[in-house]
Amino acid sequence: MSSGPSFETPADLRFLRLIGADAVGMSTVPEATVAHHAGIRVLGISGISNVAPLEPGAGEVSHEEVLEAGKSLTAKLVPLIREVVRRLEP
């Protein structure tokens, strides 16, 4: 998890890869921790919206590309979340 809200630097990416990270989130971990501490049951669902370039010179991901990926993820995750909530209802 990184504190965000910013894109990872090339040094961040090298370090995260070195320690074995396959994905990095900015909000799921602290939000789930606080909710759990408050006694709330937690189900975390994350979508990867920023595939960071690992090769030098591979370019950078733009904010617009991340927003577009988020829109695409929304279309996929909304039905999943609706079904999970439906099954949780008494």
Protein backbone atom coordinates (compact mmCIF):
# COMPACT_ATOMS: atom_id res chain seq x y z
CA MET A 1 0.00 0.00 0.00
CA SER A 2 1.19 3.49 -0.69
CA SER A 3 -0.18 6.64 0.83
CA GLY A 4 -0.85 8.35 -2.50
CA PRO A 5 -2.51 10.25 -4.01
CA SER A 6 0.18 10.25 -6.64
CA PHE A 7 1.66 7.99 -9.27
CA GLU A 8 4.61 5.90 -8.19
CA THR A 9 8.02 7.19 -9.17
CA PRO A 10 10.41 4.93 -11.10
CA ALA A 11 12.30 4.41 -7.81
CA ASP A 12 9.05 3.44 -6.06
CA LEU A 13 8.29 0.94 -8.80
CA ARG A 14 11.75 -0.63 -8.62
CA PHE A 15 11.48 -0.95 -4.83
CA LEU A 16 7.96 -2.39 -4.93
CA ARG A 17 9.00 -4.94 -7.54
CA LEU A 18 12.13 -5.80 -5.51
CA ILE A 19 10.05 -6.57 -2.41
CA GLY A 20 7.66 -8.74 -4.44
CA ALA A 21 4.66 -6.47 -4.99
CA ASP A 22 2.39 -7.35 -7.88
CA ALA A 23 -0.16 -4.62 -7.16
CA VAL A 24 -0.28 -1.53 -4.97
CA GLY A 25 -3.32 0.18 -3.51
CA MET A 26 -3.75 3.60 -1.98
CA SER A 27 -6.96 3.38 -0.02
CA THR A 28 -8.18 -0.19 0.46
CA VAL A 29 -5.73 -1.05 3.24
CA PRO A 30 -6.21 1.98 5.52
CA GLU A 31 -9.98 2.05 4.95
CA ALA A 32 -10.30 -1.66 5.75
CA THR A 33 -8.08 -1.26 8.82
CA VAL A 34 -10.19 1.59 10.22
CA ALA A 35 -13.45 -0.22 9.46
CA HIS A 36 -12.21 -3.41 11.13
CA HIS A 37 -11.06 -1.42 14.15
CA ALA A 38 -14.58 0.02 14.36
CA GLY A 39 -16.02 -3.51 14.42
CA ILE A 40 -17.28 -3.46 10.84
CA ARG A 41 -17.01 -6.60 8.74
CA VAL A 42 -14.96 -5.87 5.64
CA LEU A 43 -14.90 -7.21 2.11
CA GLY A 44 -12.29 -5.48 -0.01
CA ILE A 45 -12.59 -5.36 -3.78
CA SER A 46 -10.01 -3.48 -5.79
CA GLY A 47 -9.54 -2.90 -9.47
CA ILE A 48 -6.22 -2.11 -11.07
CA SER A 49 -6.54 1.13 -12.99
CA ASN A 50 -2.88 1.99 -13.43
CA VAL A 51 -0.53 -0.54 -14.97
CA ALA A 52 2.77 1.18 -14.27
CA PRO A 53 5.54 0.83 -16.83
CA LEU A 54 8.45 -1.13 -15.36
CA GLU A 55 10.90 -0.81 -18.23
CA PRO A 56 13.03 2.35 -18.45
CA GLY A 57 11.82 4.60 -21.24
CA ALA A 58 8.43 2.84 -21.43
CA GLY A 59 6.65 6.14 -20.87
CA GLU A 60 4.30 7.23 -18.16
CA VAL A 61 0.66 6.56 -17.51
CA SER A 62 -1.47 9.68 -17.74
CA HIS A 63 -4.20 10.70 -15.33
CA GLU A 64 -6.70 10.49 -18.20
CA GLU A 65 -5.72 6.86 -18.89
CA VAL A 66 -6.28 5.99 -15.24
CA LEU A 67 -9.70 7.68 -15.26
CA GLU A 68 -10.68 5.73 -18.39
CA ALA A 69 -9.53 2.47 -16.80
CA GLY A 70 -11.59 3.33 -13.72
CA LYS A 71 -14.69 3.82 -15.86
CA SER A 72 -14.11 0.45 -17.47
CA LEU A 73 -13.66 -1.18 -14.06
CA THR A 74 -16.88 0.39 -12.81
CA ALA A 75 -18.88 -1.30 -15.54
CA LYS A 76 -17.42 -4.65 -14.50
CA LEU A 77 -17.53 -4.23 -10.73
CA VAL A 78 -21.02 -2.76 -10.25
CA PRO A 79 -22.84 -5.99 -11.18
CA LEU A 80 -20.49 -7.99 -8.94
CA ILE A 81 -21.03 -5.68 -5.97
CA ARG A 82 -24.81 -5.63 -6.49
CA GLU A 83 -24.88 -9.43 -6.43
CA VAL A 84 -22.73 -9.62 -3.29
CA VAL A 85 -24.99 -7.11 -1.51
CA ARG A 86 -28.11 -8.96 -2.70
CA ARG A 87 -26.79 -12.19 -1.20
CA LEU A 88 -25.97 -10.48 2.09
CA GLU A 89 -29.49 -9.11 2.56
CA PRO A 90 -31.52 -11.03 5.15
